[in-house]
Amino acid sequence: MPGRRNPRARWVLPEVIDPPERLCFQIEVPNDIHHIAAFKGALYTLTSAISWGDDINHTAKDVAAVWSEIYDNIRACTDTPIETENDCIDYLPNSENITFAPQDPFSQPGLIPDGYVQPPFFVLGEPNLIEQLLGLKKGDVLTGFFGFPVLTPALGQGLARFRVHVRGTGVVELHFLKIPLGGMVLITEDDNILSANIVSLYKDPVSLPLELITEIVVEIEFKEPGNHHIDVSFLARFNDELTFFTYGGGLRSVVLCGFDNMGIDTSIEIEDEGMKLRINPDDPCIIQNECSPGVWENWYDPRQCITGGASQQPPGGDISVGDCREYDIVLQGNGKYILPVALNDGYKIIVTLASGGWNDGGVTWHCPNGFTYLLGGCANATPAQAGDPLQSVNHMRLVAEYDGNFVDAFNSTITIVPGTGATNLTFQANDSDISNNSGSVSFHVQVCNPATETFVHVFDFTTDDHDWTAVVTGGVPLGEHVPGLGWRSVQYNPDPQGALIVERAFSQRAITRYVVEYYRQNDTLASGNTHSFFSLIGAVVQEDHVMPIDAGNHVEDWTTSVSADIIHFNHRIGVATPQGVVLSKVTVYGTGSDPF
């Protein structure tokens, strides 16, 4: 079956593009309107360049033009048993039985209705190479991404739409055009909301093999005589992919099969009666229909088609060690989202699957990476603007704030820096003023409280100095390392006195316990000193523990909770003997990897 994985075969290009001779074939087509439609539809594929093979001269375009002329001249034989009223007749979009609103692309080609930024419809001229490859033809009526109503005055204009008027019984074929990143159409018959049918005009621009089908046909049959009409409104397509909003499509022709007098009925204007649609003035995401004059009811909410999104969740408490929580988040452009769990040092916040689009109160839309949202894709980075909270990333990029600092949050991993302590994390757009923003982005978040890594490091100074250093005062290092003994005090004048002041720097860690083993010759202090101490020194906090000065061996054990990057030992003694104080061992406990 032809499809994305099995594309339809293409016809071999003829050696002569337009031979002067023609052959006449006479075939019998079953006397049924569906058979007739299928027969003509099969012939119609020959009028598309994409049905023919490729070459560097783009010969397929010229071959398709030959078959377009042949197709336009197809007529039923005079002696055929098919009655005239059962024949099928093609009508181009400029036919009198097709009317457009809120702008007619033929009589009002440059009109931009209130609430629109471009004309809702346009008529394709001579197609360029890309348009030919997309299967588009001269005369096609199209609406694109910028043809969608975006401003408040559009509420009174309604959606881009057209109406087909017919009289009698028969089948109407609507020949729609799918375009890359197109949207959808809503089709109703005779204002009957129960007849509503939604058809996708979305063509995937990146699928492999390329999606070749451009024209799709929707058939509608009227079995009762009288005047009938078909209303077609163009809708946006929403999903949970990166291109979460797509819009557009087109009309090539309308084919009437089996109607009397060609089925034309133009007695009703599309602006006057019929199923009128508008955007809900209180909620621009909802489409309403007018059930009676001046009475509007909600009819279609595309947000119901988006899965996985969630608004602000209630508080979620703490995460156990080694566990993770996951959230699917929809963040409005003018809002903030706070993670519903408490965070702490070392927690990891992993952001993935960021998609969608938002704007900063102007015309330009942005993807969550801060690139411009254009034609259904993300192109051209927008540098940070003055006042944006994080100047190192793009304007309107997804960012997060914790402990007063902003960090990049677009598809990234955020680790709470050690020493932060308990904190919250909030997501928002990188914009100096989010109050006038609109649109939204969605993303997935995994929050993990990693299993706490701990370390124990033993400094045995009888074997090595372990990169501790003696503090120098007056050009004198106040300590000496002696293998087999440890760090010992040195004579320090003018008292005279003995002093041992040594320390060790390291990468910041949370220290939870330390044990210090040392010896003092006596309990006298140097002149001007009231105590000796062991210190943990950090960027914010310094913790000093006063140590005993009694003569003899000491083992001091303390528990604590201090983020530090320097360990400091400071003892002075009122004797000048070389071994007045000896530091033999220090054991340090903490969280994280061993920094020593």
Protein backbone atom coordinates (compact mmCIF):
# COMPACT_ATOMS: atom_id res chain seq x y z
CA MET A 1 0.00 0.00 0.00
CA PRO A 2 1.39 3.42 -0.88
CA GLY A 3 2.31 5.50 2.12
CA ARG A 4 5.26 7.03 3.92
CA ARG A 5 7.12 3.74 4.03
CA ASN A 6 5.99 2.61 0.58
CA PRO A 7 5.70 5.70 -1.64
CA ARG A 8 3.66 5.52 -4.80
CA ALA A 9 5.71 4.71 -7.93
CA ARG A 10 6.29 7.53 -10.40
CA TRP A 11 5.61 7.38 -14.13
CA VAL A 12 8.61 7.27 -16.51
CA LEU A 13 9.07 10.57 -18.33
CA PRO A 14 8.17 10.42 -22.06
CA GLU A 15 10.84 10.98 -24.67
CA VAL A 16 8.62 13.55 -26.41
CA ILE A 17 6.94 15.89 -23.97
CA ASP A 18 4.02 16.98 -26.21
CA PRO A 19 3.67 14.88 -29.37
CA PRO A 20 1.61 16.58 -32.11
CA GLU A 21 -0.58 13.51 -32.58
CA ARG A 22 -3.34 12.39 -30.21
CA LEU A 23 -5.01 8.98 -29.84
CA CYS A 24 -8.68 8.55 -29.01
CA PHE A 25 -9.65 5.97 -26.39
CA GLN A 26 -13.26 5.10 -25.68
CA ILE A 27 -13.99 3.38 -22.39
CA GLU A 28 -17.17 2.59 -20.50
CA VAL A 29 -17.36 3.93 -16.97
CA PRO A 30 -19.92 2.41 -14.56
CA ASN A 31 -23.02 4.59 -14.24
CA ASP A 32 -22.42 5.57 -10.63
CA ILE A 33 -21.22 8.89 -9.31
CA HIS A 34 -18.53 7.28 -7.12
CA HIS A 35 -17.16 5.31 -10.07
CA ILE A 36 -17.10 8.50 -12.09
CA ALA A 37 -15.30 10.38 -9.34
CA ALA A 38 -12.71 7.60 -8.97
CA PHE A 39 -12.13 7.49 -12.73
CA LYS A 40 -11.59 11.22 -13.03
CA GLY A 41 -9.50 11.28 -9.87
CA ALA A 42 -7.16 8.64 -11.27
CA LEU A 43 -6.69 10.67 -14.45
CA TYR A 44 -6.17 13.78 -12.39
CA THR A 45 -3.01 12.36 -10.79
CA LEU A 46 -1.33 12.69 -14.20
CA THR A 47 -1.72 16.46 -13.98
CA SER A 48 0.66 16.65 -11.00
CA ALA A 49 4.41 16.92 -11.63
CA ILE A 50 5.07 14.86 -8.53
CA SER A 51 3.48 11.81 -10.23
CA TRP A 52 6.27 11.78 -12.84
CA GLY A 53 9.95 10.93 -12.61
CA ASP A 54 12.68 13.45 -11.85
CA ASP A 55 15.41 14.89 -14.08
CA ILE A 56 17.67 17.93 -13.95
CA ASN A 57 15.47 19.80 -16.44
CA HIS A 58 12.32 19.38 -14.34
CA THR A 59 10.55 17.86 -17.31
CA ALA A 60 7.78 16.57 -15.03
CA LYS A 61 6.31 20.07 -14.85
CA ASP A 62 5.86 20.24 -18.63
CA VAL A 63 4.47 16.71 -18.88
CA ALA A 64 1.94 17.48 -16.15
CA ALA A 65 0.87 20.59 -18.09
CA VAL A 66 0.10 18.42 -21.16
CA TRP A 67 -2.15 16.21 -19.07
CA SER A 68 -3.80 19.22 -17.42
CA GLU A 69 -5.03 20.31 -20.85
CA ILE A 70 -6.24 16.79 -21.63
CA TYR A 71 -8.05 16.54 -18.32
CA ASP A 72 -9.76 19.88 -18.82
CA ASN A 73 -11.20 18.64 -22.13
CA ILE A 74 -12.68 15.39 -20.83
CA ARG A 75 -16.32 15.09 -21.89
CA ALA A 76 -18.85 12.29 -21.64
CA CYS A 77 -19.63 10.58 -24.98
CA THR A 78 -22.93 11.67 -26.63
CA ASP A 79 -24.18 8.10 -26.89
CA THR A 80 -23.28 7.12 -23.33
CA PRO A 81 -26.10 5.82 -21.13
CA ILE A 82 -25.00 8.29 -18.38
CA GLU A 83 -27.47 11.13 -18.06
CA THR A 84 -26.17 14.68 -18.16
CA GLU A 85 -27.28 15.40 -14.61
CA ASN A 86 -25.14 12.53 -13.34
CA ASP A 87 -21.96 13.91 -14.85
CA CYS A 88 -19.29 15.53 -12.71
CA ILE A 89 -18.36 19.15 -13.22
CA ASP A 90 -15.26 20.85 -11.83
CA TYR A 91 -15.50 24.34 -10.34
CA LEU A 92 -12.42 26.39 -9.59
CA PRO A 93 -12.33 28.44 -6.37
CA ASN A 94 -13.38 31.59 -8.25
CA SER A 95 -16.69 30.04 -9.28
CA GLU A 96 -19.89 31.82 -8.35
CA ASN A 97 -21.08 28.98 -6.14
CA ILE A 98 -18.05 29.36 -3.79
CA THR A 99 -17.86 32.37 -1.45
CA PHE A 100 -15.08 33.31 0.98
CA ALA A 101 -14.98 35.26 4.26
CA PRO A 102 -13.78 37.43 5.87
CA GLN A 103 -11.83 38.24 2.68
CA ASP A 104 -12.35 37.18 -0.94
CA PRO A 105 -8.94 36.36 -2.45
CA PHE A 106 -10.21 37.17 -5.95
CA SER A 107 -12.13 40.44 -5.46
CA GLN A 108 -10.20 41.57 -2.34
CA PRO A 109 -6.68 40.14 -2.77
CA GLY A 110 -4.93 42.67 -0.51
CA LEU A 111 -7.59 43.09 2.16
CA ILE A 112 -6.38 42.51 5.73
CA PRO A 113 -9.46 42.16 7.97
CA ASP A 114 -9.39 43.56 11.49
CA GLY A 115 -7.52 41.21 13.80
CA TYR A 116 -5.38 39.70 11.03
CA VAL A 117 -1.77 40.55 10.19
CA GLN A 118 -2.00 39.30 6.59
CA PRO A 119 -4.87 38.51 4.18
CA PRO A 120 -6.43 35.21 5.29
CA PHE A 121 -6.39 33.82 1.71
CA PHE A 122 -4.24 34.27 -1.38
CA VAL A 123 -4.34 32.87 -4.91
CA LEU A 124 -1.18 31.13 -6.07
CA GLY A 125 0.35 32.53 -9.25
CA GLU A 126 2.89 30.68 -11.35
CA PRO A 127 4.37 28.20 -8.88
CA ASN A 128 8.11 28.24 -8.25
CA LEU A 129 10.18 25.07 -8.16
CA ILE A 130 9.54 24.38 -4.48
CA GLU A 131 5.80 24.94 -4.89
CA GLN A 132 5.81 22.58 -7.87
CA LEU A 133 7.58 19.92 -5.83
CA LEU A 134 4.90 20.39 -3.18
CA GLY A 135 2.27 19.62 -5.83
CA LEU A 136 0.79 23.13 -5.89
CA LYS A 137 -0.67 24.69 -9.05
CA LYS A 138 -1.55 28.09 -10.40
CA GLY A 139 -4.99 29.14 -9.18
CA ASP A 140 -4.90 27.20 -5.91
CA VAL A 141 -6.36 29.19 -3.00
CA LEU A 142 -4.19 28.91 0.12
CA THR A 143 -4.01 30.14 3.68
CA GLY A 144 -0.76 29.91 5.65
CA PHE A 145 0.72 30.38 9.10
CA PHE A 146 0.36 34.15 9.05
CA GLY A 147 -3.23 33.95 7.82
CA PHE A 148 -4.43 32.96 11.28
CA PRO A 149 -6.37 35.60 13.27
CA VAL A 150 -4.26 36.70 16.23
CA LEU A 151 -5.60 40.04 17.46
CA THR A 152 -8.72 40.85 19.47
CA PRO A 153 -10.68 42.55 16.61
CA ALA A 154 -10.67 39.19 14.81
CA LEU A 155 -13.40 38.06 17.23
CA GLY A 156 -15.90 39.95 15.11
CA GLN A 157 -14.47 38.76 11.80
CA GLY A 158 -14.44 35.05 12.53
CA LEU A 159 -12.14 32.35 11.18
CA ALA A 160 -10.98 32.11 7.58
CA ARG A 161 -13.72 30.13 5.82
CA PHE A 162 -15.60 29.49 2.61
CA ARG A 163 -19.04 28.19 1.62
CA VAL A 164 -20.12 26.01 -1.28
CA HIS A 165 -23.73 26.50 -2.48
CA VAL A 166 -25.59 23.76 -4.37
CA ARG A 167 -29.15 22.91 -5.36
CA GLY A 168 -30.64 19.44 -5.74
CA THR A 169 -29.27 15.99 -4.99
CA GLY A 170 -25.80 14.63 -5.70
CA VAL A 171 -22.27 14.38 -4.39
CA VAL A 172 -19.92 17.30 -3.69
CA GLU A 173 -16.20 16.65 -3.82
CA LEU A 174 -14.03 19.12 -1.91
CA HIS A 175 -10.48 18.96 -3.27
CA PHE A 176 -8.33 20.21 -0.39
CA LEU A 177 -4.59 20.85 -0.37
CA LYS A 178 -2.22 19.61 2.32
CA ILE A 179 0.81 21.83 2.99
CA PRO A 180 3.91 21.43 5.16
CA LEU A 181 2.96 22.19 8.77
CA GLY A 182 -0.68 22.77 7.77
CA GLY A 183 -3.64 22.80 10.11
CA MET A 184 -7.18 21.41 9.90
CA VAL A 185 -10.56 22.24 8.40
CA LEU A 186 -13.97 21.96 10.01
CA ILE A 187 -16.72 20.92 7.57
CA THR A 188 -20.46 21.19 8.26
CA GLU A 189 -23.54 20.64 6.09
CA ASP A 190 -26.60 22.90 6.14
CA ASP A 191 -25.71 24.36 9.56
CA ASN A 192 -26.10 20.95 11.16
CA ILE A 193 -23.54 20.75 13.94
CA LEU A 194 -24.02 16.97 14.09
CA SER A 195 -22.57 16.74 10.58
CA ALA A 196 -19.30 18.35 11.67
CA ASN A 197 -16.19 16.69 10.34
CA ILE A 198 -12.57 17.71 11.01
CA VAL A 199 -9.97 16.90 8.33
CA SER A 200 -6.22 17.35 8.74
CA LEU A 201 -4.29 19.28 6.07
CA TYR A 202 -0.95 18.68 7.81
CA LYS A 203 1.96 17.46 5.72
CA ASP A 204 5.07 16.34 7.61
CA PRO A 205 8.01 18.33 6.16
CA VAL A 206 10.75 16.05 7.50
CA SER A 207 9.36 12.52 7.10
CA LEU A 208 11.40 10.03 5.13
CA PRO A 209 10.40 9.06 2.51
CA LEU A 210 8.90 12.48 1.78
CA GLU A 211 5.14 12.70 2.01
CA LEU A 212 4.05 13.16 -1.61
CA ILE A 213 0.27 13.41 -1.39
CA THR A 214 -0.89 17.03 -1.66
CA GLU A 215 -4.52 16.79 -2.73
CA ILE A 216 -7.12 15.01 -0.64
CA VAL A 217 -10.79 14.68 -1.53
CA VAL A 218 -13.71 14.80 0.88
CA GLU A 219 -17.09 13.68 -0.48
CA ILE A 220 -20.41 14.94 0.84
CA GLU A 221 -23.70 13.57 -0.50
CA PHE A 222 -27.05 15.42 -0.45
CA LYS A 223 -30.03 13.09 -0.86
CA GLU A 224 -32.85 15.60 -0.39
CA PRO A 225 -33.83 18.16 -3.06
CA GLY A 226 -33.63 21.89 -2.43
CA ASN A 227 -30.90 24.37 -1.59
CA HIS A 228 -27.87 23.16 0.35
CA HIS A 229 -24.57 24.59 1.49
CA ILE A 230 -21.29 23.36 2.92
CA ASP A 231 -19.28 25.52 5.34
CA VAL A 232 -15.55 25.01 5.66
CA SER A 233 -13.55 26.83 8.39
CA PHE A 234 -9.76 26.65 8.73
CA LEU A 235 -8.58 25.69 12.23
CA ALA A 236 -5.20 25.53 13.92
CA ARG A 237 -3.72 22.14 14.71
CA PHE A 238 -2.35 21.65 18.23
CA ASN A 239 -0.11 18.83 19.50
CA ASP A 240 2.59 18.15 22.10
CA GLU A 241 5.51 18.23 19.66
CA LEU A 242 8.03 21.02 19.12
CA THR A 243 5.78 22.56 16.44
CA PHE A 244 2.85 22.52 18.82
CA PHE A 245 0.82 24.97 16.67
CA THR A 246 0.39 24.60 12.90
CA TYR A 247 -2.08 26.21 10.55
CA GLY A 248 -2.94 26.42 6.89
CA GLY A 249 -4.03 24.51 3.82
CA GLY A 250 -5.86 25.20 0.62
CA LEU A 251 -8.65 24.56 -1.87
CA ARG A 252 -8.01 23.45 -5.46
CA SER A 253 -11.51 22.86 -6.73
CA VAL A 254 -15.03 21.71 -5.98
CA VAL A 255 -16.50 18.91 -8.10
CA LEU A 256 -20.28 18.42 -8.35
CA CYS A 257 -21.57 15.04 -9.46
CA GLY A 258 -25.23 14.28 -10.26
CA PHE A 259 -26.77 17.71 -9.62
CA ASP A 260 -29.42 19.33 -11.85
CA ASN A 261 -28.50 22.63 -13.52
CA MET A 262 -24.89 22.23 -12.42
CA GLY A 263 -26.05 22.40 -8.79
CA ILE A 264 -25.35 26.12 -8.47
CA ASP A 265 -27.14 28.07 -5.75
CA THR A 266 -25.84 31.44 -4.65
CA SER A 267 -28.97 32.69 -2.97
CA ILE A 268 -27.35 32.65 0.49
CA GLU A 269 -24.32 34.73 1.42
CA ILE A 270 -21.84 33.21 3.83
CA GLU A 271 -21.76 36.36 5.96
CA ASP A 272 -25.53 36.38 6.45
CA GLU A 273 -26.57 32.93 7.57
CA GLY A 274 -25.26 29.49 8.27
CA MET A 275 -22.91 28.11 10.85
CA LYS A 276 -20.88 31.11 12.01
CA LEU A 277 -17.75 30.52 14.08
CA ARG A 278 -15.71 32.89 16.18
CA ILE A 279 -13.00 32.85 18.85
CA ASN A 280 -14.36 32.97 22.39
CA PRO A 281 -13.73 36.55 23.60
CA ASP A 282 -13.16 35.26 27.14
CA ASP A 283 -10.84 32.41 26.17
CA PRO A 284 -8.97 32.74 22.85
CA CYS A 285 -8.26 29.01 22.77
CA ILE A 286 -11.96 28.07 22.37
CA ILE A 287 -13.98 28.25 19.13
CA GLN A 288 -17.68 29.10 19.43
CA ASN A 289 -20.62 28.71 17.05
CA GLU A 290 -23.71 30.93 16.86
CA CYS A 291 -26.70 28.76 17.71
CA SER A 292 -29.19 31.61 17.31
CA PRO A 293 -28.79 35.32 16.61
CA GLY A 294 -26.43 36.71 19.21
CA VAL A 295 -26.25 33.45 21.19
CA TRP A 296 -22.79 31.85 21.09
CA GLU A 297 -21.84 28.52 22.62
CA ASN A 298 -18.46 26.84 23.05
CA TRP A 299 -17.95 24.33 20.26
CA TYR A 300 -14.28 23.27 20.08
CA ASP A 301 -11.41 23.46 22.58
CA PRO A 302 -8.16 22.28 20.93
CA ARG A 303 -6.41 22.05 24.30
CA GLN A 304 -8.31 18.83 24.91
CA CYS A 305 -6.16 17.28 22.16
CA ILE A 306 -2.89 18.05 23.99
CA THR A 307 -1.77 15.31 26.37
CA GLY A 308 0.76 15.30 29.16
CA GLY A 309 0.40 18.92 30.25
CA ALA A 310 -0.32 20.07 33.75
CA SER A 311 -0.73 23.35 35.60
CA GLN A 312 0.86 24.15 38.97
CA GLN A 313 0.76 21.02 41.13
CA PRO A 314 0.10 21.18 44.88
CA PRO A 315 3.03 20.91 47.32
CA GLY A 316 4.71 17.52 47.06
CA GLY A 317 6.80 17.45 50.24
CA ASP A 318 10.31 16.00 50.38
CA ILE A 319 11.98 13.45 48.10
CA SER A 320 13.55 10.48 49.85
CA VAL A 321 17.26 9.86 49.36
CA GLY A 322 17.83 8.02 46.08
CA ASP A 323 14.33 8.74 44.76
CA CYS A 324 13.09 10.91 41.88
CA ARG A 325 9.84 12.70 40.99
CA GLU A 326 8.64 13.47 37.45
CA TYR A 327 6.37 16.24 36.19
CA ASP A 328 4.92 17.25 32.82
CA ILE A 329 4.61 21.00 32.88
CA VAL A 330 2.78 23.57 30.74
CA LEU A 331 4.17 27.03 31.47
CA GLN A 332 2.28 30.11 30.32
CA GLY A 333 4.37 32.93 28.87
CA ASN A 334 3.17 35.36 31.52
CA GLY A 335 3.48 32.92 34.41
CA LYS A 336 5.92 31.09 36.63
CA TYR A 337 6.03 27.48 37.74
CA ILE A 338 7.53 26.45 41.07
CA LEU A 339 8.67 22.87 41.50
CA PRO A 340 6.33 21.38 44.11
CA VAL A 341 9.13 19.70 46.10
CA ALA A 342 11.79 21.06 48.45
CA LEU A 343 15.32 21.02 47.01
CA ASN A 344 18.68 20.89 48.73
CA ASP A 345 22.39 20.55 48.05
CA GLY A 346 23.22 18.15 45.23
CA TYR A 347 19.65 17.71 43.97
CA LYS A 348 19.46 17.31 40.20
CA ILE A 349 16.70 18.81 38.04
CA ILE A 350 16.69 17.32 34.53
CA VAL A 351 14.64 19.23 31.92
CA THR A 352 13.77 17.53 28.61
CA LEU A 353 11.25 17.67 25.72
CA ALA A 354 10.85 21.45 25.82
CA SER A 355 8.52 22.54 23.00
CA GLY A 356 5.87 25.08 22.14
CA GLY A 357 6.02 28.82 21.59
CA TRP A 358 5.44 32.12 23.38
CA ASN A 359 5.87 35.81 22.70
CA ASP A 360 6.98 38.80 24.75
CA GLY A 361 3.95 40.96 24.09
CA GLY A 362 4.92 41.84 20.52
CA VAL A 363 4.32 40.21 17.15
CA THR A 364 7.35 37.89 17.22
CA TRP A 365 6.96 34.42 18.73
CA HIS A 366 9.80 32.44 20.26
CA CYS A 367 10.63 28.79 20.80
CA PRO A 368 11.65 27.72 24.32
CA ASN A 369 15.33 27.84 23.26
CA GLY A 370 14.98 31.55 22.52
CA PHE A 371 15.00 31.19 18.73
CA THR A 372 12.36 32.91 16.61
CA TYR A 373 9.25 30.77 16.01
CA LEU A 374 8.84 31.07 12.23
CA LEU A 375 6.82 29.04 9.72
CA GLY A 376 6.38 26.21 12.17
CA GLY A 377 10.08 25.97 12.97
CA CYS A 378 12.77 27.61 15.14
CA ALA A 379 15.25 29.91 13.39
CA ASN A 380 17.48 32.85 14.27
CA ALA A 381 18.57 33.24 17.88
CA THR A 382 17.35 36.32 19.75
CA PRO A 383 20.10 37.64 22.07
CA ALA A 384 19.23 38.60 25.62
CA GLN A 385 17.69 42.05 25.94
CA ALA A 386 18.35 44.67 28.59
CA GLY A 387 16.81 43.62 31.87
CA ASP A 388 16.43 39.93 31.03
CA PRO A 389 17.25 38.00 34.22
CA LEU A 390 19.89 35.77 32.56
CA GLN A 391 22.06 37.74 30.14
CA SER A 392 24.16 34.74 29.04
CA VAL A 393 21.31 33.03 27.12
CA ASN A 394 18.75 34.03 24.48
CA HIS A 395 15.80 36.30 25.10
CA MET A 396 12.61 34.28 25.88
CA ARG A 397 14.61 31.11 26.56
CA LEU A 398 13.34 28.84 29.33
CA VAL A 399 15.23 29.68 32.53
CA ALA A 400 14.98 28.79 36.22
CA GLU A 401 15.72 30.63 39.46
CA TYR A 402 16.83 29.27 42.82
CA ASP A 403 18.48 30.93 45.80
CA GLY A 404 18.30 34.28 44.00
CA ASN A 405 20.26 33.11 40.93
CA PHE A 406 19.00 32.38 37.41
CA VAL A 407 20.27 29.41 35.38
CA ASP A 408 19.60 28.02 31.90
CA ALA A 409 16.76 25.48 31.95
CA PHE A 410 16.24 24.60 28.27
CA ASN A 411 16.74 20.83 27.97
CA SER A 412 19.48 20.94 30.59
CA THR A 413 20.49 19.47 33.94
CA ILE A 414 20.53 21.80 36.93
CA THR A 415 22.46 20.76 40.06
CA ILE A 416 21.84 22.62 43.30
CA VAL A 417 25.25 23.92 44.35
CA PRO A 418 26.60 22.57 47.67
CA GLY A 419 26.19 25.10 50.42
CA THR A 420 22.86 26.38 49.10
CA GLY A 421 20.72 24.54 51.64
CA ALA A 422 16.95 24.15 51.38
CA THR A 423 15.56 26.11 48.43
CA ASN A 424 12.78 26.33 45.84
CA LEU A 425 13.21 26.40 42.05
CA THR A 426 10.96 28.41 39.72
CA PHE A 427 10.71 28.28 35.90
CA GLN A 428 9.87 31.27 33.69
CA ALA A 429 10.68 32.93 30.34
CA ASN A 430 13.94 34.88 30.12
CA ASP A 431 12.19 38.24 29.85
CA SER A 432 12.49 41.39 31.93
CA ASP A 433 8.69 41.74 32.11
CA ILE A 434 6.61 38.61 31.69
CA SER A 435 3.28 40.24 32.56
CA ASN A 436 2.33 40.97 28.92
CA ASN A 437 3.56 37.67 27.47
CA SER A 438 1.30 35.10 25.84
CA GLY A 439 1.55 31.57 24.49
CA SER A 440 2.97 28.63 26.39
CA VAL A 441 5.67 25.99 26.36
CA SER A 442 5.64 22.45 27.69
CA PHE A 443 8.49 20.38 29.10
CA HIS A 444 9.25 17.33 31.22
CA VAL A 445 11.10 17.57 34.53
CA GLN A 446 12.74 14.85 36.60
CA VAL A 447 13.82 15.88 40.12
CA CYS A 448 16.19 13.56 41.95
CA ASN A 449 17.58 13.49 45.46
CA PRO A 450 20.73 11.48 44.74
CA ALA A 451 21.92 8.90 47.20
CA THR A 452 24.25 10.88 49.47
CA GLU A 453 27.90 10.20 48.74
CA THR A 454 30.13 10.40 51.79
CA PHE A 455 33.84 10.30 52.41
CA VAL A 456 36.25 9.66 55.27
CA HIS A 457 39.81 10.88 54.90
CA VAL A 458 42.61 10.14 57.39
CA PHE A 459 45.64 12.40 57.60
CA ASP A 460 48.32 10.31 59.37
CA PHE A 461 51.08 12.82 59.86
CA THR A 462 53.53 10.21 61.14
CA THR A 463 53.92 9.06 57.53
CA ASP A 464 53.50 12.25 55.46
CA ASP A 465 52.67 15.95 55.64
CA HIS A 466 49.65 15.33 53.32
CA ASP A 467 50.03 18.74 51.68
CA TRP A 468 49.28 20.64 54.86
CA THR A 469 51.26 23.86 55.12
CA ALA A 470 52.59 25.90 58.03
CA VAL A 471 51.29 29.45 58.31
CA VAL A 472 54.12 31.93 57.95
CA THR A 473 54.33 34.83 60.38
CA GLY A 474 57.20 37.31 60.33
CA GLY A 475 58.94 35.14 57.78
CA VAL A 476 58.83 32.12 60.09
CA PRO A 477 56.78 28.98 59.20
CA LEU A 478 54.90 28.17 62.41
CA GLY A 479 55.25 24.42 62.21
CA GLU A 480 57.61 21.66 61.15
CA HIS A 481 56.82 18.21 59.80
CA VAL A 482 58.94 15.39 61.22
CA PRO A 483 58.51 11.91 59.68
CA GLY A 484 57.58 9.32 62.29
CA LEU A 485 56.34 12.05 64.65
CA GLY A 486 53.99 14.43 62.85
CA TRP A 487 53.63 18.20 62.75
CA ARG A 488 55.36 19.79 65.73
CA SER A 489 55.61 23.30 67.15
CA VAL A 490 58.59 25.54 66.56
CA GLN A 491 60.18 28.25 68.70
CA TYR A 492 58.62 31.64 68.08
CA ASN A 493 60.22 34.73 69.58
CA PRO A 494 60.12 37.17 71.34
CA ASP A 495 58.24 35.41 74.16
CA PRO A 496 59.88 32.86 73.77
CA GLN A 497 57.06 30.47 72.98
CA GLY A 498 56.17 27.45 70.89
CA ALA A 499 53.65 27.68 68.02
CA LEU A 500 52.02 25.13 65.69
CA ILE A 501 49.69 26.70 63.13
CA VAL A 502 49.04 24.50 60.04
CA GLU A 503 46.19 24.24 57.56
CA ARG A 504 44.93 22.45 54.44
CA ALA A 505 42.88 23.93 51.57
CA PHE A 506 40.48 21.81 49.47
CA SER A 507 37.42 22.01 47.22
CA GLN A 508 34.37 23.02 49.21
CA ARG A 509 32.50 20.19 50.92
CA ALA A 510 29.97 19.80 53.70
CA ILE A 511 31.95 18.56 56.71
CA THR A 512 29.94 16.41 59.14
CA ARG A 513 32.60 15.25 61.66
CA TYR A 514 36.28 15.50 62.44
CA VAL A 515 38.63 13.83 64.91
CA VAL A 516 41.88 15.49 65.99
CA GLU A 517 44.73 13.65 67.79
CA TYR A 518 47.51 15.74 69.35
CA TYR A 519 49.98 16.00 72.30
CA ARG A 520 50.80 18.94 74.58
CA GLN A 521 53.83 19.14 76.85
CA ASN A 522 52.06 21.36 79.42
CA ASP A 523 49.02 23.53 79.91
CA THR A 524 50.67 26.92 79.68
CA LEU A 525 49.63 29.34 76.95
CA ALA A 526 51.79 31.78 75.12
CA SER A 527 51.68 35.41 76.17
CA GLY A 528 48.50 37.13 74.96
CA ASN A 529 46.68 33.84 74.07
CA THR A 530 43.59 32.67 75.89
CA HIS A 531 42.95 29.38 74.04
CA SER A 532 43.92 27.07 71.22
CA PHE A 533 41.46 25.96 68.56
CA PHE A 534 40.67 23.90 65.45
CA SER A 535 38.76 25.73 62.69
CA LEU A 536 36.64 24.97 59.64
CA ILE A 537 36.75 27.96 57.31
CA GLY A 538 34.27 28.44 54.48
CA ALA A 539 33.28 31.25 52.11
CA VAL A 540 30.37 32.21 54.39
CA VAL A 541 30.94 30.57 57.78
CA GLN A 542 33.96 29.97 60.00
CA GLU A 543 33.53 27.50 62.83
CA ASP A 544 36.10 27.46 65.68
CA HIS A 545 36.30 24.64 68.22
CA VAL A 546 38.23 25.46 71.41
CA MET A 547 40.58 22.60 72.22
CA PRO A 548 41.82 21.39 75.66
CA ILE A 549 45.32 22.53 76.67
CA ASP A 550 45.97 19.98 79.39
CA ALA A 551 49.33 18.27 79.27
CA GLY A 552 49.32 14.85 77.62
CA ASN A 553 47.70 13.09 74.64
CA HIS A 554 44.30 14.22 73.38
CA VAL A 555 41.67 12.79 71.01
CA GLU A 556 38.93 15.33 70.28
CA ASP A 557 35.83 14.25 68.28
CA TRP A 558 33.26 16.80 67.00
CA THR A 559 30.15 16.49 64.84
CA THR A 560 29.13 19.47 62.75
CA SER A 561 27.45 20.64 59.53
CA VAL A 562 29.60 23.28 57.89
CA SER A 563 30.51 23.87 54.23
CA ALA A 564 34.21 24.61 54.30
CA ASP A 565 37.27 24.74 52.06
CA ILE A 566 40.04 25.19 54.68
CA ILE A 567 40.93 23.15 57.80
CA HIS A 568 43.00 25.08 60.33
CA PHE A 569 44.91 23.88 63.47
CA ASN A 570 46.18 26.60 65.85
CA HIS A 571 48.01 25.80 69.11
CA ARG A 572 50.47 27.90 71.09
CA ILE A 573 52.32 26.94 74.21
CA GLY A 574 54.37 28.89 76.73
CA VAL A 575 57.55 26.85 76.23
CA ALA A 576 60.03 27.05 73.39
CA THR A 577 60.89 23.38 73.26
CA PRO A 578 60.57 21.91 69.72
CA GLN A 579 58.01 19.33 70.72
CA GLY A 580 55.77 21.46 72.94
CA VAL A 581 52.80 20.59 70.66
CA VAL A 582 52.59 17.63 68.23
CA LEU A 583 49.72 17.01 65.79
CA SER A 584 49.76 13.33 64.84
CA LYS A 585 46.45 12.64 63.07
CA VAL A 586 43.28 14.34 61.71
CA THR A 587 40.29 12.38 60.36
CA VAL A 588 37.67 14.26 58.34
CA TYR A 589 34.12 13.07 57.47
CA GLY A 590 31.84 14.75 54.90
CA THR A 591 29.34 14.45 52.08
CA GLY A 592 30.19 14.32 48.40
CA SER A 593 33.35 12.96 46.82
CA ASP A 594 36.62 12.97 48.73
CA PRO A 595 38.21 16.40 48.04
CA PHE A 596 41.66 15.53 49.39
